[in-house]
Amino acid sequence: MILNKSAHERGFGYGTVYKSDIFDLQGERGAVKSLTNPSLHFGMGRDVKEDSPWRKSVEEDGLPRVGARVAPGDALAAYRDDLTGRTKVHKYKGDEVAYVDEVRVLGKLTIDPNNALAAHR
């Protein structure tokens, strides 16, 4: 490929690469395979300290902060295990530094009528 020097200087060849990281809690070790009573939930448990390095890229709800800068090995999501009471982390496995652009939660929301919100009673 032959490039014109002035075209390169004006920004030819600049681009953005988008990658998706799909993280399924039911695929993790220790997950109970029940849709009505799962054992893993996104979020920070009580075992995570306020000054934890995870908090720079992960919100309290366990999902990544939009706009967060993540390097290889940084926390990308956090989830707690109801059986052990511990918080675990899903780490970014990319080769280069990335920025979180968008977060989507995929799945079905199931509501147990016996466990309805008190405000609706």
N, C-alpha and C. Protein backbone atom coordinates (compact mmCIF):
# COMPACT_ATOMS: atom_id res chain seq x y z
N MET A 1 0.84 -1.16 0.00
CA MET A 1 0.00 0.00 0.00
C MET A 1 0.89 1.23 0.00
N ILE A 2 0.56 2.16 -0.83
CA ILE A 2 1.30 3.42 -0.90
C ILE A 2 0.43 4.51 -0.30
N LEU A 3 1.00 5.24 0.68
CA LEU A 3 0.26 6.30 1.36
C LEU A 3 0.86 7.65 1.03
N ASN A 4 0.00 8.62 0.86
CA ASN A 4 0.41 9.99 0.68
C ASN A 4 0.75 10.56 2.06
N LYS A 5 1.91 11.19 2.18
CA LYS A 5 2.34 11.71 3.48
C LYS A 5 1.36 12.72 4.05
N SER A 6 0.85 13.62 3.25
CA SER A 6 -0.08 14.63 3.77
C SER A 6 -1.42 14.00 4.18
N ALA A 7 -1.87 12.95 3.49
CA ALA A 7 -3.10 12.26 3.88
C ALA A 7 -2.90 11.58 5.24
N HIS A 8 -1.73 11.01 5.46
CA HIS A 8 -1.44 10.37 6.74
C HIS A 8 -1.40 11.41 7.86
N GLU A 9 -0.83 12.56 7.60
CA GLU A 9 -0.75 13.62 8.59
C GLU A 9 -2.12 14.20 8.93
N ARG A 10 -3.05 14.16 7.98
CA ARG A 10 -4.40 14.68 8.23
C ARG A 10 -5.27 13.66 8.96
N GLY A 11 -4.76 12.45 9.18
CA GLY A 11 -5.52 11.48 9.96
C GLY A 11 -5.92 10.23 9.22
N PHE A 12 -5.42 10.02 8.01
CA PHE A 12 -5.74 8.79 7.31
C PHE A 12 -5.22 7.60 8.10
N GLY A 13 -6.05 6.61 8.26
CA GLY A 13 -5.63 5.42 8.99
C GLY A 13 -6.01 5.45 10.46
N TYR A 14 -6.60 6.56 10.92
CA TYR A 14 -7.04 6.63 12.30
C TYR A 14 -8.35 5.87 12.42
N GLY A 15 -8.49 5.14 13.48
CA GLY A 15 -9.73 4.39 13.66
C GLY A 15 -9.93 4.00 15.11
N THR A 16 -11.10 3.48 15.39
CA THR A 16 -11.44 3.01 16.72
C THR A 16 -11.85 1.56 16.61
N VAL A 17 -11.36 0.75 17.52
CA VAL A 17 -11.70 -0.67 17.54
C VAL A 17 -12.64 -0.90 18.72
N TYR A 18 -13.80 -1.48 18.44
CA TYR A 18 -14.75 -1.82 19.50
C TYR A 18 -14.69 -3.32 19.74
N LYS A 19 -14.61 -3.70 21.00
CA LYS A 19 -14.61 -5.11 21.38
C LYS A 19 -15.73 -5.32 22.38
N SER A 20 -16.33 -6.50 22.34
CA SER A 20 -17.37 -6.84 23.30
C SER A 20 -16.84 -7.91 24.24
N ASP A 21 -17.15 -7.75 25.51
CA ASP A 21 -16.80 -8.75 26.51
C ASP A 21 -18.10 -9.20 27.15
N ILE A 22 -18.57 -10.38 26.79
CA ILE A 22 -19.82 -10.90 27.32
C ILE A 22 -19.48 -11.80 28.50
N PHE A 23 -20.04 -11.46 29.65
CA PHE A 23 -19.73 -12.16 30.89
C PHE A 23 -21.02 -12.73 31.46
N ASP A 24 -21.11 -14.06 31.54
CA ASP A 24 -22.31 -14.75 32.00
C ASP A 24 -22.05 -15.33 33.39
N LEU A 25 -22.83 -14.88 34.37
CA LEU A 25 -22.64 -15.37 35.75
C LEU A 25 -22.98 -16.85 35.87
N GLN A 26 -23.91 -17.36 35.08
CA GLN A 26 -24.26 -18.77 35.18
C GLN A 26 -23.15 -19.69 34.68
N GLY A 27 -22.19 -19.15 33.95
CA GLY A 27 -21.07 -19.95 33.47
C GLY A 27 -19.90 -19.98 34.44
N GLU A 28 -19.99 -19.24 35.53
CA GLU A 28 -18.90 -19.17 36.50
C GLU A 28 -18.93 -20.34 37.47
N ARG A 29 -17.75 -20.68 37.99
CA ARG A 29 -17.66 -21.74 38.99
C ARG A 29 -18.40 -21.34 40.25
N GLY A 30 -19.20 -22.24 40.79
CA GLY A 30 -19.96 -21.98 42.00
C GLY A 30 -21.36 -21.46 41.76
N ALA A 31 -21.73 -21.29 40.48
CA ALA A 31 -23.07 -20.78 40.18
C ALA A 31 -24.11 -21.89 40.31
N VAL A 32 -25.19 -21.59 41.00
CA VAL A 32 -26.32 -22.51 41.07
C VAL A 32 -27.14 -22.29 39.81
N LYS A 33 -27.45 -23.34 39.09
CA LYS A 33 -28.11 -23.23 37.79
C LYS A 33 -29.62 -23.08 37.91
N SER A 34 -30.08 -22.31 38.85
CA SER A 34 -31.51 -22.08 39.06
C SER A 34 -31.85 -20.65 38.67
N LEU A 35 -32.87 -20.48 37.82
CA LEU A 35 -33.27 -19.13 37.44
C LEU A 35 -34.07 -18.44 38.54
N THR A 36 -34.72 -19.21 39.40
CA THR A 36 -35.53 -18.60 40.45
C THR A 36 -34.71 -18.25 41.69
N ASN A 37 -33.58 -18.93 41.89
CA ASN A 37 -32.77 -18.66 43.07
C ASN A 37 -31.28 -18.77 42.73
N PRO A 38 -30.74 -17.83 41.93
CA PRO A 38 -29.32 -17.90 41.58
C PRO A 38 -28.44 -17.57 42.79
N SER A 39 -27.22 -18.10 42.79
CA SER A 39 -26.31 -17.85 43.92
C SER A 39 -25.31 -16.73 43.64
N LEU A 40 -25.15 -16.32 42.39
CA LEU A 40 -24.22 -15.24 42.04
C LEU A 40 -25.01 -14.02 41.58
N HIS A 41 -24.59 -12.84 42.06
CA HIS A 41 -25.27 -11.58 41.72
C HIS A 41 -24.21 -10.52 41.46
N PHE A 42 -24.44 -9.66 40.46
CA PHE A 42 -23.55 -8.54 40.24
C PHE A 42 -23.64 -7.61 41.45
N GLY A 43 -22.50 -7.07 41.85
CA GLY A 43 -22.45 -6.12 42.96
C GLY A 43 -21.25 -6.35 43.84
N MET A 44 -20.94 -5.34 44.64
CA MET A 44 -19.83 -5.42 45.60
C MET A 44 -20.37 -5.92 46.94
N GLY A 45 -19.67 -6.86 47.52
CA GLY A 45 -20.05 -7.36 48.84
C GLY A 45 -19.43 -6.53 49.94
N ARG A 46 -19.69 -6.90 51.17
CA ARG A 46 -19.14 -6.18 52.32
C ARG A 46 -17.66 -6.41 52.51
N ASP A 47 -17.10 -7.42 51.83
CA ASP A 47 -15.69 -7.73 51.97
C ASP A 47 -14.79 -6.82 51.13
N VAL A 48 -15.37 -5.96 50.29
CA VAL A 48 -14.58 -5.04 49.44
C VAL A 48 -14.42 -3.73 50.17
N LYS A 49 -13.19 -3.32 50.40
CA LYS A 49 -12.89 -2.10 51.14
C LYS A 49 -13.09 -0.87 50.25
N GLU A 50 -13.28 0.29 50.88
CA GLU A 50 -13.50 1.55 50.17
C GLU A 50 -12.29 1.94 49.30
N ASP A 51 -11.08 1.58 49.73
CA ASP A 51 -9.88 1.97 48.98
C ASP A 51 -9.40 0.86 48.04
N SER A 52 -10.26 -0.08 47.74
CA SER A 52 -9.90 -1.18 46.85
C SER A 52 -9.63 -0.66 45.44
N PRO A 53 -8.60 -1.18 44.76
CA PRO A 53 -8.31 -0.74 43.39
C PRO A 53 -9.43 -1.11 42.41
N TRP A 54 -10.30 -2.03 42.78
CA TRP A 54 -11.41 -2.41 41.90
C TRP A 54 -12.37 -1.25 41.69
N ARG A 55 -12.48 -0.39 42.68
CA ARG A 55 -13.49 0.67 42.64
C ARG A 55 -13.20 1.75 41.60
N LYS A 56 -11.98 1.79 41.05
CA LYS A 56 -11.71 2.81 40.04
C LYS A 56 -12.37 2.49 38.71
N SER A 57 -12.68 1.22 38.45
CA SER A 57 -13.30 0.86 37.17
C SER A 57 -14.65 0.17 37.32
N VAL A 58 -15.05 -0.17 38.56
CA VAL A 58 -16.30 -0.90 38.78
C VAL A 58 -17.18 -0.12 39.75
N GLU A 59 -18.46 0.02 39.38
CA GLU A 59 -19.44 0.71 40.23
C GLU A 59 -19.85 -0.19 41.39
N GLU A 60 -20.63 0.35 42.31
CA GLU A 60 -21.13 -0.40 43.46
C GLU A 60 -22.03 -1.57 43.04
N ASP A 61 -22.72 -1.41 41.91
CA ASP A 61 -23.60 -2.46 41.42
C ASP A 61 -22.85 -3.59 40.72
N GLY A 62 -21.52 -3.50 40.64
CA GLY A 62 -20.71 -4.56 40.06
C GLY A 62 -20.46 -4.42 38.57
N LEU A 63 -21.07 -3.44 37.94
CA LEU A 63 -20.90 -3.24 36.51
C LEU A 63 -19.81 -2.20 36.25
N PRO A 64 -19.18 -2.25 35.08
CA PRO A 64 -18.09 -1.30 34.80
C PRO A 64 -18.58 0.14 34.70
N ARG A 65 -17.73 1.07 35.10
CA ARG A 65 -18.04 2.49 34.96
C ARG A 65 -17.88 2.87 33.49
N VAL A 66 -18.86 3.55 32.93
CA VAL A 66 -18.75 4.04 31.56
C VAL A 66 -17.68 5.12 31.54
N GLY A 67 -16.74 5.00 30.62
CA GLY A 67 -15.63 5.94 30.51
C GLY A 67 -14.40 5.52 31.28
N ALA A 68 -14.48 4.42 32.03
CA ALA A 68 -13.33 3.97 32.82
C ALA A 68 -12.21 3.48 31.89
N ARG A 69 -11.00 3.77 32.28
CA ARG A 69 -9.81 3.30 31.56
C ARG A 69 -9.39 1.99 32.21
N VAL A 70 -9.33 0.91 31.43
CA VAL A 70 -8.93 -0.39 31.95
C VAL A 70 -7.70 -0.90 31.20
N ALA A 71 -6.76 -1.40 31.96
CA ALA A 71 -5.55 -2.02 31.41
C ALA A 71 -5.67 -3.53 31.59
N PRO A 72 -4.86 -4.30 30.89
CA PRO A 72 -4.93 -5.76 31.05
C PRO A 72 -4.76 -6.16 32.51
N GLY A 73 -5.71 -6.98 33.00
CA GLY A 73 -5.68 -7.44 34.38
C GLY A 73 -6.51 -6.62 35.35
N ASP A 74 -7.02 -5.46 34.91
CA ASP A 74 -7.86 -4.63 35.77
C ASP A 74 -9.25 -5.25 35.91
N ALA A 75 -9.94 -4.90 36.99
CA ALA A 75 -11.30 -5.40 37.23
C ALA A 75 -12.25 -4.77 36.22
N LEU A 76 -13.11 -5.61 35.63
CA LEU A 76 -14.10 -5.13 34.67
C LEU A 76 -15.51 -5.29 35.22
N ALA A 77 -15.72 -6.27 36.08
CA ALA A 77 -17.02 -6.48 36.73
C ALA A 77 -16.78 -7.18 38.05
N ALA A 78 -17.72 -7.00 38.98
CA ALA A 78 -17.63 -7.65 40.28
C ALA A 78 -18.95 -8.35 40.57
N TYR A 79 -18.85 -9.51 41.21
CA TYR A 79 -20.06 -10.24 41.59
C TYR A 79 -19.83 -10.92 42.92
N ARG A 80 -20.93 -11.09 43.67
CA ARG A 80 -20.81 -11.71 44.98
C ARG A 80 -21.48 -13.07 44.96
N ASP A 81 -20.92 -13.95 45.75
CA ASP A 81 -21.42 -15.31 45.88
C ASP A 81 -22.21 -15.40 47.18
N ASP A 82 -23.50 -15.71 47.09
CA ASP A 82 -24.34 -15.78 48.28
C ASP A 82 -23.95 -16.94 49.19
N LEU A 83 -23.39 -18.00 48.62
CA LEU A 83 -23.05 -19.18 49.42
C LEU A 83 -21.80 -18.94 50.28
N THR A 84 -20.79 -18.26 49.72
CA THR A 84 -19.55 -18.02 50.46
C THR A 84 -19.50 -16.62 51.07
N GLY A 85 -20.30 -15.69 50.53
CA GLY A 85 -20.28 -14.32 51.03
C GLY A 85 -19.12 -13.50 50.51
N ARG A 86 -18.40 -14.00 49.52
CA ARG A 86 -17.21 -13.30 49.00
C ARG A 86 -17.52 -12.63 47.68
N THR A 87 -16.77 -11.57 47.41
CA THR A 87 -16.87 -10.86 46.14
C THR A 87 -15.76 -11.35 45.23
N LYS A 88 -16.13 -11.63 43.98
CA LYS A 88 -15.16 -12.08 42.98
C LYS A 88 -15.15 -11.06 41.84
N VAL A 89 -14.08 -11.08 41.05
CA VAL A 89 -13.91 -10.09 40.00
C VAL A 89 -13.69 -10.76 38.65
N HIS A 90 -14.31 -10.18 37.63
CA HIS A 90 -14.04 -10.57 36.25
C HIS A 90 -13.03 -9.56 35.72
N LYS A 91 -11.88 -10.03 35.24
CA LYS A 91 -10.80 -9.14 34.82
C LYS A 91 -10.79 -8.94 33.32
N TYR A 92 -10.29 -7.77 32.91
CA TYR A 92 -10.13 -7.43 31.50
C TYR A 92 -8.96 -8.23 30.94
N LYS A 93 -9.21 -8.93 29.83
CA LYS A 93 -8.20 -9.83 29.28
C LYS A 93 -7.61 -9.32 27.96
N GLY A 94 -7.88 -8.09 27.59
CA GLY A 94 -7.35 -7.55 26.35
C GLY A 94 -5.84 -7.33 26.42
N ASP A 95 -5.26 -7.06 25.26
CA ASP A 95 -3.81 -6.85 25.18
C ASP A 95 -3.41 -5.38 25.33
N GLU A 96 -4.36 -4.48 25.12
CA GLU A 96 -4.04 -3.07 25.16
C GLU A 96 -4.99 -2.35 26.10
N VAL A 97 -4.67 -1.11 26.41
CA VAL A 97 -5.52 -0.28 27.26
C VAL A 97 -6.82 0.00 26.52
N ALA A 98 -7.94 0.00 27.26
CA ALA A 98 -9.24 0.24 26.64
C ALA A 98 -10.06 1.18 27.52
N TYR A 99 -11.12 1.71 26.94
CA TYR A 99 -12.06 2.56 27.66
C TYR A 99 -13.45 1.95 27.53
N VAL A 100 -14.18 1.91 28.62
CA VAL A 100 -15.53 1.36 28.60
C VAL A 100 -16.45 2.39 27.95
N ASP A 101 -17.11 1.99 26.87
CA ASP A 101 -17.97 2.89 26.13
C ASP A 101 -19.43 2.69 26.46
N GLU A 102 -19.84 1.43 26.67
CA GLU A 102 -21.25 1.13 26.90
C GLU A 102 -21.37 -0.15 27.70
N VAL A 103 -22.38 -0.22 28.55
CA VAL A 103 -22.65 -1.42 29.35
C VAL A 103 -24.10 -1.82 29.13
N ARG A 104 -24.31 -3.08 28.81
CA ARG A 104 -25.67 -3.60 28.64
C ARG A 104 -25.84 -4.83 29.51
N VAL A 105 -26.99 -4.93 30.14
CA VAL A 105 -27.32 -6.11 30.93
C VAL A 105 -28.30 -6.92 30.10
N LEU A 106 -27.92 -8.16 29.80
CA LEU A 106 -28.75 -9.04 28.99
C LEU A 106 -29.35 -10.12 29.87
N GLY A 107 -30.54 -10.54 29.58
CA GLY A 107 -31.16 -11.62 30.33
C GLY A 107 -32.60 -11.32 30.65
N LYS A 108 -33.24 -12.26 31.31
CA LYS A 108 -34.63 -12.13 31.67
C LYS A 108 -34.75 -11.70 33.13
N LEU A 109 -35.73 -10.90 33.38
CA LEU A 109 -36.03 -10.48 34.74
C LEU A 109 -37.20 -11.32 35.22
N THR A 110 -36.94 -12.17 36.20
CA THR A 110 -38.01 -12.99 36.75
C THR A 110 -38.40 -12.46 38.11
N ILE A 111 -39.68 -12.37 38.36
CA ILE A 111 -40.18 -11.84 39.62
C ILE A 111 -40.97 -12.93 40.32
N ASP A 112 -40.63 -13.19 41.55
CA ASP A 112 -41.34 -14.17 42.37
C ASP A 112 -42.51 -13.46 43.06
N PRO A 113 -43.77 -13.87 42.79
CA PRO A 113 -44.89 -13.18 43.42
C PRO A 113 -44.89 -13.26 44.94
N ASN A 114 -44.23 -14.27 45.50
CA ASN A 114 -44.15 -14.40 46.96
C ASN A 114 -43.12 -13.45 47.56
N ASN A 115 -42.26 -12.88 46.70
CA ASN A 115 -41.19 -12.01 47.16
C ASN A 115 -41.36 -10.62 46.53
N ALA A 116 -42.60 -10.16 46.41
CA ALA A 116 -42.87 -8.85 45.79
C ALA A 116 -42.42 -7.72 46.70
N LEU A 117 -42.26 -6.56 46.12
CA LEU A 117 -41.85 -5.39 46.90
C LEU A 117 -42.93 -5.02 47.91
N ALA A 118 -42.53 -4.60 49.06
CA ALA A 118 -43.47 -4.24 50.13
C ALA A 118 -44.31 -3.03 49.73
N ALA A 119 -43.79 -2.16 48.85
CA ALA A 119 -44.51 -0.97 48.44
C ALA A 119 -45.76 -1.32 47.63
N HIS A 120 -45.77 -2.49 47.01
CA HIS A 120 -46.91 -2.88 46.19
C HIS A 120 -48.00 -3.58 46.98
N ARG A 121 -47.83 -3.79 48.26
CA ARG A 121 -48.82 -4.51 49.07
C ARG A 121 -49.82 -3.57 49.67
